[in-house]
């Protein structure tokens, strides 16, 4: 495992990749500054390989929760080897629609549809533009990459719902 490209990818490295993502509603603050992300809420299992991230919205009715989760997923997908399974969830009990948001964030079809929405791609790119330990590739085509993700404000077909 020492010579593996996965060697050296652990909880701290994953946290360093996502800590500087900007909150879509508070663009001057990072998810770390808002206590939405914490290193202790990340697990890495290199035997699968799997990364699991719990995030905590600032309020239980946060309307940007799915968008925040999408930003986390896209940043990880763009920064890590493509063989990683990425699981993004709201910290249990931290949101009124926790189950619905978690389902959307980990549904490949909804994520793919969300990443076809140019307005969402722009928001995600803006939130993720701060690079950290690894450089995130930019551009709409790059963001549509191989993995899943979707905001709770999106229908399965990629249209925005109120």
C-alpha atoms as a PDB file:
ATOM      1  CA  UNK A   1       0.000   0.000   0.000  1.00  0.00           C
ATOM      2  CA  UNK A   2       2.986   2.284   0.552  1.00  0.00           C
ATOM      3  CA  UNK A   3       3.616   2.672  -3.191  1.00  0.00           C
ATOM      4  CA  UNK A   4      -0.089   2.913  -3.971  1.00  0.00           C
ATOM      5  CA  UNK A   5      -1.470   6.221  -5.293  1.00  0.00           C
ATOM      6  CA  UNK A   6      -3.908   5.998  -2.368  1.00  0.00           C
ATOM      7  CA  UNK A   7      -1.124   6.037   0.210  1.00  0.00           C
ATOM      8  CA  UNK A   8      -1.163   9.311   2.069  1.00  0.00           C
ATOM      9  CA  UNK A   9      -4.880   9.952   1.588  1.00  0.00           C
ATOM     10  CA  UNK A  10      -6.418  10.108   5.024  1.00  0.00           C
ATOM     11  CA  UNK A  11      -8.888  12.058   7.114  1.00  0.00           C
ATOM     12  CA  UNK A  12      -6.683  15.173   7.350  1.00  0.00           C
ATOM     13  CA  UNK A  13      -5.904  15.219   3.613  1.00  0.00           C
ATOM     14  CA  UNK A  14      -9.595  14.947   2.717  1.00  0.00           C
ATOM     15  CA  UNK A  15     -10.466  17.696   5.198  1.00  0.00           C
ATOM     16  CA  UNK A  16      -7.746  19.918   3.724  1.00  0.00           C
ATOM     17  CA  UNK A  17      -9.340  19.474   0.285  1.00  0.00           C
ATOM     18  CA  UNK A  18     -12.816  20.619   1.359  1.00  0.00           C
ATOM     19  CA  UNK A  19     -12.300  22.929   4.340  1.00  0.00           C
ATOM     20  CA  UNK A  20     -12.023  26.087   2.186  1.00  0.00           C
ATOM     21  CA  UNK A  21     -15.198  25.541   0.140  1.00  0.00           C
ATOM     22  CA  UNK A  22     -17.235  28.729   0.449  1.00  0.00           C
ATOM     23  CA  UNK A  23     -20.792  28.611   1.730  1.00  0.00           C
ATOM     24  CA  UNK A  24     -23.132  29.489  -1.181  1.00  0.00           C
ATOM     25  CA  UNK A  25     -25.161  31.807   1.072  1.00  0.00           C
ATOM     26  CA  UNK A  26     -22.176  33.319   2.925  1.00  0.00           C
ATOM     27  CA  UNK A  27     -19.570  33.641   0.177  1.00  0.00           C
ATOM     28  CA  UNK A  28     -17.000  35.289   2.438  1.00  0.00           C
ATOM     29  CA  UNK A  29     -16.999  32.318   4.861  1.00  0.00           C
ATOM     30  CA  UNK A  30     -15.747  28.786   4.395  1.00  0.00           C
ATOM     31  CA  UNK A  31     -17.588  25.651   5.454  1.00  0.00           C
ATOM     32  CA  UNK A  32     -14.937  25.162   8.124  1.00  0.00           C
ATOM     33  CA  UNK A  33     -15.412  28.704   9.493  1.00  0.00           C
ATOM     34  CA  UNK A  34     -19.157  28.090   9.756  1.00  0.00           C
ATOM     35  CA  UNK A  35     -18.575  24.729  11.503  1.00  0.00           C
ATOM     36  CA  UNK A  36     -20.367  22.969   8.664  1.00  0.00           C
ATOM     37  CA  UNK A  37     -17.313  20.725   8.209  1.00  0.00           C
ATOM     38  CA  UNK A  38     -15.080  19.149  10.841  1.00  0.00           C
ATOM     39  CA  UNK A  39     -12.163  16.779  10.365  1.00  0.00           C
ATOM     40  CA  UNK A  40     -13.638  14.357  12.923  1.00  0.00           C
ATOM     41  CA  UNK A  41     -16.704  13.876  10.655  1.00  0.00           C
ATOM     42  CA  UNK A  42     -14.677  12.376   7.809  1.00  0.00           C
ATOM     43  CA  UNK A  43     -13.782   8.722   7.460  1.00  0.00           C
ATOM     44  CA  UNK A  44     -11.481   7.182   4.886  1.00  0.00           C
ATOM     45  CA  UNK A  45     -11.385   3.453   4.156  1.00  0.00           C
ATOM     46  CA  UNK A  46      -8.644   2.721   1.644  1.00  0.00           C
ATOM     47  CA  UNK A  47      -9.600  -0.968   1.415  1.00  0.00           C
ATOM     48  CA  UNK A  48     -12.801  -0.085  -0.493  1.00  0.00           C
ATOM     49  CA  UNK A  49     -11.703   2.819  -1.232  1.00  0.00           C
ATOM     50  CA  UNK A  50     -14.406   4.961   0.386  1.00  0.00           C
ATOM     51  CA  UNK A  51     -14.634   8.482   1.741  1.00  0.00           C
ATOM     52  CA  UNK A  52     -17.574   9.336   3.974  1.00  0.00           C
ATOM     53  CA  UNK A  53     -18.235  12.963   4.919  1.00  0.00           C
ATOM     54  CA  UNK A  54     -20.863  14.162   7.374  1.00  0.00           C
ATOM     55  CA  UNK A  55     -21.611  17.889   7.223  1.00  0.00           C
ATOM     56  CA  UNK A  56     -23.721  19.975   9.581  1.00  0.00           C
ATOM     57  CA  UNK A  57     -25.892  22.761   8.110  1.00  0.00           C
ATOM     58  CA  UNK A  58     -25.895  25.988  10.122  1.00  0.00           C
ATOM     59  CA  UNK A  59     -29.648  25.720  10.769  1.00  0.00           C
ATOM     60  CA  UNK A  60     -32.045  22.716  10.674  1.00  0.00           C
ATOM     61  CA  UNK A  61     -34.032  24.234   7.783  1.00  0.00           C
ATOM     62  CA  UNK A  62     -31.025  25.306   5.675  1.00  0.00           C
ATOM     63  CA  UNK A  63     -32.173  25.618   2.069  1.00  0.00           C
ATOM     64  CA  UNK A  64     -28.619  25.337   0.729  1.00  0.00           C
ATOM     65  CA  UNK A  65     -27.870  21.916   2.268  1.00  0.00           C
ATOM     66  CA  UNK A  66     -28.027  19.975  -0.974  1.00  0.00           C
ATOM     67  CA  UNK A  67     -25.973  22.600  -2.767  1.00  0.00           C
ATOM     68  CA  UNK A  68     -23.342  22.455  -0.013  1.00  0.00           C
ATOM     69  CA  UNK A  69     -23.260  18.669  -0.310  1.00  0.00           C
ATOM     70  CA  UNK A  70     -22.905  18.973  -4.083  1.00  0.00           C
ATOM     71  CA  UNK A  71     -19.937  21.314  -3.649  1.00  0.00           C
ATOM     72  CA  UNK A  72     -18.262  18.835  -1.290  1.00  0.00           C
ATOM     73  CA  UNK A  73     -18.844  15.934  -3.691  1.00  0.00           C
ATOM     74  CA  UNK A  74     -17.601  17.798  -6.762  1.00  0.00           C
ATOM     75  CA  UNK A  75     -14.482  19.048  -4.972  1.00  0.00           C
ATOM     76  CA  UNK A  76     -13.626  15.495  -3.868  1.00  0.00           C
ATOM     77  CA  UNK A  77     -14.434  13.953  -7.250  1.00  0.00           C
ATOM     78  CA  UNK A  78     -12.195  16.459  -9.007  1.00  0.00           C
ATOM     79  CA  UNK A  79      -9.341  16.113  -6.507  1.00  0.00           C
ATOM     80  CA  UNK A  80      -9.112  12.392  -5.768  1.00  0.00           C
ATOM     81  CA  UNK A  81      -8.498   9.270  -7.853  1.00  0.00           C
ATOM     82  CA  UNK A  82     -11.679   8.224  -9.679  1.00  0.00           C
ATOM     83  CA  UNK A  83     -11.855   4.831  -7.963  1.00  0.00           C
ATOM     84  CA  UNK A  84     -12.956   6.378  -4.651  1.00  0.00           C
ATOM     85  CA  UNK A  85     -16.591   5.930  -3.633  1.00  0.00           C
ATOM     86  CA  UNK A  86     -17.749   9.187  -2.080  1.00  0.00           C
ATOM     87  CA  UNK A  87     -20.597   9.235   0.418  1.00  0.00           C
ATOM     88  CA  UNK A  88     -21.856  12.640   1.570  1.00  0.00           C
ATOM     89  CA  UNK A  89     -24.463  12.915   4.328  1.00  0.00           C
ATOM     90  CA  UNK A  90     -25.907  15.427   6.735  1.00  0.00           C
ATOM     91  CA  UNK A  91     -24.912  14.838  10.344  1.00  0.00           C
ATOM     92  CA  UNK A  92     -27.769  12.813  11.897  1.00  0.00           C
ATOM     93  CA  UNK A  93     -30.408  15.079  13.445  1.00  0.00           C
ATOM     94  CA  UNK A  94     -28.953  18.287  11.976  1.00  0.00           C
ATOM     95  CA  UNK A  95     -31.590  19.010   9.294  1.00  0.00           C
ATOM     96  CA  UNK A  96     -35.370  18.770   9.060  1.00  0.00           C
ATOM     97  CA  UNK A  97     -35.186  16.997   5.678  1.00  0.00           C
ATOM     98  CA  UNK A  98     -32.080  14.954   6.414  1.00  0.00           C
ATOM     99  CA  UNK A  99     -33.235  11.719   4.735  1.00  0.00           C
ATOM    100  CA  UNK A 100     -34.417  13.438   1.550  1.00  0.00           C
ATOM    101  CA  UNK A 101     -31.238  15.499   1.226  1.00  0.00           C
ATOM    102  CA  UNK A 102     -29.012  12.461   1.868  1.00  0.00           C
ATOM    103  CA  UNK A 103     -30.870  10.485  -0.788  1.00  0.00           C
ATOM    104  CA  UNK A 104     -30.415  13.265  -3.339  1.00  0.00           C
ATOM    105  CA  UNK A 105     -26.741  13.760  -2.527  1.00  0.00           C
ATOM    106  CA  UNK A 106     -25.951  10.114  -3.195  1.00  0.00           C
ATOM    107  CA  UNK A 107     -28.220   9.439  -6.192  1.00  0.00           C
ATOM    108  CA  UNK A 108     -26.082   9.196  -9.344  1.00  0.00           C
ATOM    109  CA  UNK A 109     -28.859  10.180 -11.743  1.00  0.00           C
ATOM    110  CA  UNK A 110     -29.869  13.263  -9.780  1.00  0.00           C
ATOM    111  CA  UNK A 111     -26.276  14.306  -9.387  1.00  0.00           C
ATOM    112  CA  UNK A 112     -25.635  13.917 -13.093  1.00  0.00           C
ATOM    113  CA  UNK A 113     -28.759  15.953 -13.868  1.00  0.00           C
ATOM    114  CA  UNK A 114     -27.708  18.667 -11.420  1.00  0.00           C
ATOM    115  CA  UNK A 115     -24.331  18.926 -13.094  1.00  0.00           C
ATOM    116  CA  UNK A 116     -26.028  19.618 -16.423  1.00  0.00           C
ATOM    117  CA  UNK A 117     -27.463  22.834 -14.968  1.00  0.00           C
ATOM    118  CA  UNK A 118     -25.112  25.674 -15.965  1.00  0.00           C
ATOM    119  CA  UNK A 119     -26.312  27.951 -13.142  1.00  0.00           C
ATOM    120  CA  UNK A 120     -25.510  25.279 -10.556  1.00  0.00           C
ATOM    121  CA  UNK A 121     -22.149  24.560 -12.147  1.00  0.00           C
ATOM    122  CA  UNK A 122     -21.308  28.251 -11.825  1.00  0.00           C
ATOM    123  CA  UNK A 123     -22.256  28.284  -8.112  1.00  0.00           C
ATOM    124  CA  UNK A 124     -20.253  25.105  -7.461  1.00  0.00           C
ATOM    125  CA  UNK A 125     -17.214  26.453  -9.301  1.00  0.00           C
ATOM    126  CA  UNK A 126     -17.375  29.691  -7.345  1.00  0.00           C
ATOM    127  CA  UNK A 127     -17.674  27.888  -3.998  1.00  0.00           C
ATOM    128  CA  UNK A 128     -14.830  25.509  -4.833  1.00  0.00           C
ATOM    129  CA  UNK A 129     -12.459  27.944  -6.539  1.00  0.00           C
ATOM    130  CA  UNK A 130     -10.106  28.104  -3.562  1.00  0.00           C
ATOM    131  CA  UNK A 131      -7.612  25.338  -4.128  1.00  0.00           C
ATOM    132  CA  UNK A 132      -6.126  23.469  -1.200  1.00  0.00           C
ATOM    133  CA  UNK A 133      -3.839  20.431  -1.043  1.00  0.00           C
ATOM    134  CA  UNK A 134      -4.734  19.312  -4.573  1.00  0.00           C
ATOM    135  CA  UNK A 135      -5.727  21.491  -7.506  1.00  0.00           C
ATOM    136  CA  UNK A 136      -9.333  21.203  -8.660  1.00  0.00           C
ATOM    137  CA  UNK A 137      -9.722  21.134 -12.415  1.00  0.00           C
ATOM    138  CA  UNK A 138     -12.148  23.825 -13.555  1.00  0.00           C
ATOM    139  CA  UNK A 139     -14.698  24.097 -16.313  1.00  0.00           C
ATOM    140  CA  UNK A 140     -18.249  22.869 -16.716  1.00  0.00           C
ATOM    141  CA  UNK A 141     -17.200  19.738 -18.607  1.00  0.00           C
ATOM    142  CA  UNK A 142     -14.797  18.816 -15.826  1.00  0.00           C
ATOM    143  CA  UNK A 143     -17.485  19.250 -13.170  1.00  0.00           C
ATOM    144  CA  UNK A 144     -19.801  16.853 -14.925  1.00  0.00           C
ATOM    145  CA  UNK A 145     -17.197  14.120 -14.300  1.00  0.00           C
ATOM    146  CA  UNK A 146     -17.807  10.490 -13.444  1.00  0.00           C
ATOM    147  CA  UNK A 147     -19.406  10.736 -10.023  1.00  0.00           C
ATOM    148  CA  UNK A 148     -22.761  11.446  -8.457  1.00  0.00           C
ATOM    149  CA  UNK A 149     -24.273  14.436  -6.667  1.00  0.00           C
ATOM    150  CA  UNK A 150     -27.394  16.566  -6.571  1.00  0.00           C
ATOM    151  CA  UNK A 151     -28.848  19.513  -4.731  1.00  0.00           C
ATOM    152  CA  UNK A 152     -32.145  19.181  -2.885  1.00  0.00           C
ATOM    153  CA  UNK A 153     -33.432  22.085  -4.896  1.00  0.00           C
ATOM    154  CA  UNK A 154     -33.231  20.037  -8.072  1.00  0.00           C
ATOM    155  CA  UNK A 155     -35.621  17.617  -9.611  1.00  0.00           C
ATOM    156  CA  UNK A 156     -34.276  14.411 -11.128  1.00  0.00           C
ATOM    157  CA  UNK A 157     -34.315  16.057 -14.558  1.00  0.00           C
ATOM    158  CA  UNK A 158     -32.043  18.878 -13.389  1.00  0.00           C
ATOM    159  CA  UNK A 159     -34.665  21.594 -13.184  1.00  0.00           C
ATOM    160  CA  UNK A 160     -34.725  23.836 -10.133  1.00  0.00           C
ATOM    161  CA  UNK A 161     -37.622  23.312  -7.739  1.00  0.00           C
ATOM    162  CA  UNK A 162     -38.786  25.791  -5.112  1.00  0.00           C
END
